[in-house]
Amino acid sequence: MNIQELATAVNYKLPVKVVILNNGYLGMVRQWQELFYEKRYSHTKLTQVPDFVKLAEAYGATGLRASKPGEVEPTLRKGLETPGPVIMDFVVDPEEGVFPMVAPGSSLTNINLK
């Protein structure tokens, strides 16, 4: 939820690798609304999604994007092999779920795997 840490990573040449599962929404909130609140979606669609590749480059980091399934593995390999900070933007379907997750009101000992 913050980006200024990327400047520190670039400044100190830290090998920080950021993976974004980009579905064009506030993904976790949207998924909660889908699974636990009967798909009553509210204020989760991002109408202005930044270009994360350009954002990484603006900070002096490396930015990579995969928008097709066949690009996932090569993008991961390149991102992990690239020295210094890297942002990897993986464009995914808005309906794709991300698991594991913790349901509202649950503890970390009750993780939902599906």
C-alpha atoms as a PDB file:
ATOM      1  CA  MET A   1       0.000   0.000   0.000  1.00  0.00           C
ATOM      2  CA  ASN A   2       3.090   2.201  -0.066  1.00  0.00           C
ATOM      3  CA  ILE A   3       5.680   2.648  -2.765  1.00  0.00           C
ATOM      4  CA  GLN A   4       8.315   4.936  -1.300  1.00  0.00           C
ATOM      5  CA  GLU A   5      10.172   1.939   0.132  1.00  0.00           C
ATOM      6  CA  LEU A   6      11.170   1.159  -3.442  1.00  0.00           C
ATOM      7  CA  ALA A   7      13.422   4.239  -3.399  1.00  0.00           C
ATOM      8  CA  THR A   8      15.271   2.808  -0.377  1.00  0.00           C
ATOM      9  CA  ALA A   9      15.620  -0.593  -2.071  1.00  0.00           C
ATOM     10  CA  VAL A  10      17.032   1.064  -5.200  1.00  0.00           C
ATOM     11  CA  ASN A  11      19.352   3.315  -3.188  1.00  0.00           C
ATOM     12  CA  TYR A  12      20.888   0.364  -1.335  1.00  0.00           C
ATOM     13  CA  LYS A  13      20.631  -2.029  -4.307  1.00  0.00           C
ATOM     14  CA  LEU A  14      18.581  -4.452  -2.223  1.00  0.00           C
ATOM     15  CA  PRO A  15      17.448  -7.618  -4.008  1.00  0.00           C
ATOM     16  CA  VAL A  16      13.776  -7.035  -3.185  1.00  0.00           C
ATOM     17  CA  LYS A  17      11.410  -8.790  -5.578  1.00  0.00           C
ATOM     18  CA  VAL A  18       7.782  -7.619  -5.618  1.00  0.00           C
ATOM     19  CA  VAL A  19       5.125  -9.793  -7.265  1.00  0.00           C
ATOM     20  CA  ILE A  20       1.795  -8.128  -8.030  1.00  0.00           C
ATOM     21  CA  LEU A  21      -1.234 -10.243  -8.916  1.00  0.00           C
ATOM     22  CA  ASN A  22      -2.982  -7.491 -10.825  1.00  0.00           C
ATOM     23  CA  ASN A  23      -6.694  -8.077 -11.281  1.00  0.00           C
ATOM     24  CA  GLY A  24      -7.622  -4.398 -11.536  1.00  0.00           C
ATOM     25  CA  TYR A  25      -9.302  -4.481  -8.127  1.00  0.00           C
ATOM     26  CA  LEU A  26      -8.404  -4.194  -4.493  1.00  0.00           C
ATOM     27  CA  GLY A  27      -8.063  -7.940  -4.772  1.00  0.00           C
ATOM     28  CA  MET A  28      -8.285  -9.163  -1.203  1.00  0.00           C
ATOM     29  CA  VAL A  29     -11.205  -6.863  -0.376  1.00  0.00           C
ATOM     30  CA  ARG A  30     -13.024  -7.855  -3.557  1.00  0.00           C
ATOM     31  CA  GLN A  31     -12.470 -11.545  -2.771  1.00  0.00           C
ATOM     32  CA  TRP A  32     -13.894 -11.070   0.732  1.00  0.00           C
ATOM     33  CA  GLN A  33     -16.930  -9.339  -0.771  1.00  0.00           C
ATOM     34  CA  GLU A  34     -17.374 -12.245  -3.184  1.00  0.00           C
ATOM     35  CA  LEU A  35     -16.955 -15.077  -0.690  1.00  0.00           C
ATOM     36  CA  PHE A  36     -18.341 -13.684   2.541  1.00  0.00           C
ATOM     37  CA  TYR A  37     -20.686 -10.841   1.598  1.00  0.00           C
ATOM     38  CA  GLU A  38     -22.765 -12.368  -1.219  1.00  0.00           C
ATOM     39  CA  LYS A  39     -20.869 -10.550  -4.002  1.00  0.00           C
ATOM     40  CA  ARG A  40     -21.956  -7.140  -2.717  1.00  0.00           C
ATOM     41  CA  TYR A  41     -19.045  -5.352  -4.343  1.00  0.00           C
ATOM     42  CA  SER A  42     -18.361  -1.865  -3.108  1.00  0.00           C
ATOM     43  CA  HIS A  43     -15.535   0.468  -4.086  1.00  0.00           C
ATOM     44  CA  THR A  44     -13.021  -2.205  -5.049  1.00  0.00           C
ATOM     45  CA  LYS A  45     -12.713  -1.645  -8.827  1.00  0.00           C
ATOM     46  CA  LEU A  46      -9.619   0.418  -9.542  1.00  0.00           C
ATOM     47  CA  THR A  47     -10.457   2.845 -12.317  1.00  0.00           C
ATOM     48  CA  GLN A  48      -6.881   4.151 -12.410  1.00  0.00           C
ATOM     49  CA  VAL A  49      -4.425   1.257 -12.191  1.00  0.00           C
ATOM     50  CA  PRO A  50      -0.834   2.454 -12.450  1.00  0.00           C
ATOM     51  CA  ASP A  51       1.533   1.028 -15.001  1.00  0.00           C
ATOM     52  CA  PHE A  52       3.711  -0.855 -12.505  1.00  0.00           C
ATOM     53  CA  VAL A  53       6.503  -1.407 -15.042  1.00  0.00           C
ATOM     54  CA  LYS A  54       6.830   2.333 -15.624  1.00  0.00           C
ATOM     55  CA  LEU A  55       6.517   2.973 -11.897  1.00  0.00           C
ATOM     56  CA  ALA A  56       9.421   0.614 -11.174  1.00  0.00           C
ATOM     57  CA  GLU A  57      11.502   2.263 -13.871  1.00  0.00           C
ATOM     58  CA  ALA A  58      10.672   5.728 -12.485  1.00  0.00           C
ATOM     59  CA  TYR A  59      12.327   4.653  -9.227  1.00  0.00           C
ATOM     60  CA  GLY A  60      15.312   3.154 -11.031  1.00  0.00           C
ATOM     61  CA  ALA A  61      14.192  -0.444 -10.481  1.00  0.00           C
ATOM     62  CA  THR A  62      13.393  -3.110 -13.061  1.00  0.00           C
ATOM     63  CA  GLY A  63       9.766  -3.585 -14.060  1.00  0.00           C
ATOM     64  CA  LEU A  64       8.420  -6.701 -15.776  1.00  0.00           C
ATOM     65  CA  ARG A  65       4.934  -7.739 -16.860  1.00  0.00           C
ATOM     66  CA  ALA A  66       3.302 -11.034 -17.749  1.00  0.00           C
ATOM     67  CA  SER A  67      -0.149 -10.891 -19.293  1.00  0.00           C
ATOM     68  CA  LYS A  68      -0.400 -14.435 -20.707  1.00  0.00           C
ATOM     69  CA  PRO A  69       0.065 -17.791 -18.953  1.00  0.00           C
ATOM     70  CA  GLY A  70       3.089 -18.622 -21.126  1.00  0.00           C
ATOM     71  CA  GLU A  71       4.860 -15.486 -19.890  1.00  0.00           C
ATOM     72  CA  VAL A  72       4.639 -16.371 -16.180  1.00  0.00           C
ATOM     73  CA  GLU A  73       7.652 -18.647 -15.857  1.00  0.00           C
ATOM     74  CA  PRO A  74      10.017 -16.558 -18.019  1.00  0.00           C
ATOM     75  CA  THR A  75       8.997 -13.399 -16.154  1.00  0.00           C
ATOM     76  CA  LEU A  76       9.591 -15.042 -12.780  1.00  0.00           C
ATOM     77  CA  ARG A  77      12.972 -16.385 -13.889  1.00  0.00           C
ATOM     78  CA  LYS A  78      14.096 -13.031 -15.248  1.00  0.00           C
ATOM     79  CA  GLY A  79      12.824 -11.169 -12.191  1.00  0.00           C
ATOM     80  CA  LEU A  80      14.575 -13.478  -9.756  1.00  0.00           C
ATOM     81  CA  GLU A  81      17.821 -13.434 -11.748  1.00  0.00           C
ATOM     82  CA  THR A  82      17.889  -9.639 -12.130  1.00  0.00           C
ATOM     83  CA  PRO A  83      20.102  -7.890  -9.570  1.00  0.00           C
ATOM     84  CA  GLY A  84      18.492  -5.267  -7.370  1.00  0.00           C
ATOM     85  CA  PRO A  85      14.819  -4.466  -6.888  1.00  0.00           C
ATOM     86  CA  VAL A  86      12.280  -5.806  -9.375  1.00  0.00           C
ATOM     87  CA  ILE A  87       8.529  -5.320  -9.647  1.00  0.00           C
ATOM     88  CA  MET A  88       6.786  -8.144 -11.509  1.00  0.00           C
ATOM     89  CA  ASP A  89       3.240  -7.318 -12.622  1.00  0.00           C
ATOM     90  CA  PHE A  90       1.171 -10.419 -13.378  1.00  0.00           C
ATOM     91  CA  VAL A  91      -2.129  -9.530 -15.041  1.00  0.00           C
ATOM     92  CA  VAL A  92      -4.790 -11.989 -13.859  1.00  0.00           C
ATOM     93  CA  ASP A  93      -8.504 -12.413 -14.454  1.00  0.00           C
ATOM     94  CA  PRO A  94     -10.611 -10.274 -12.081  1.00  0.00           C
ATOM     95  CA  GLU A  95     -12.496 -13.406 -10.961  1.00  0.00           C
ATOM     96  CA  GLU A  96      -9.342 -15.326 -10.065  1.00  0.00           C
ATOM     97  CA  GLY A  97      -9.159 -16.150  -6.360  1.00  0.00           C
ATOM     98  CA  VAL A  98      -5.995 -15.887  -4.303  1.00  0.00           C
ATOM     99  CA  PHE A  99      -5.485 -18.469  -1.590  1.00  0.00           C
ATOM    100  CA  PRO A 100      -4.743 -19.175   1.181  1.00  0.00           C
ATOM    101  CA  MET A 101      -6.711 -16.500   2.962  1.00  0.00           C
ATOM    102  CA  VAL A 102      -8.185 -15.838   6.372  1.00  0.00           C
ATOM    103  CA  ALA A 103     -11.923 -15.275   6.650  1.00  0.00           C
ATOM    104  CA  PRO A 104     -13.290 -12.241   8.493  1.00  0.00           C
ATOM    105  CA  GLY A 105     -13.276 -12.856  12.236  1.00  0.00           C
ATOM    106  CA  SER A 106     -11.099 -15.973  11.913  1.00  0.00           C
ATOM    107  CA  SER A 107      -7.678 -16.573  13.340  1.00  0.00           C
ATOM    108  CA  LEU A 108      -4.522 -17.460  11.472  1.00  0.00           C
ATOM    109  CA  THR A 109      -4.995 -21.043  12.647  1.00  0.00           C
ATOM    110  CA  ASN A 110      -8.150 -21.262  10.506  1.00  0.00           C
ATOM    111  CA  ILE A 111      -6.811 -20.613   7.001  1.00  0.00           C
ATOM    112  CA  ASN A 112      -9.102 -21.075   4.000  1.00  0.00           C
ATOM    113  CA  LEU A 113      -7.263 -22.961   1.236  1.00  0.00           C
ATOM    114  CA  LYS A 114     -10.108 -22.864  -1.300  1.00  0.00           C
END
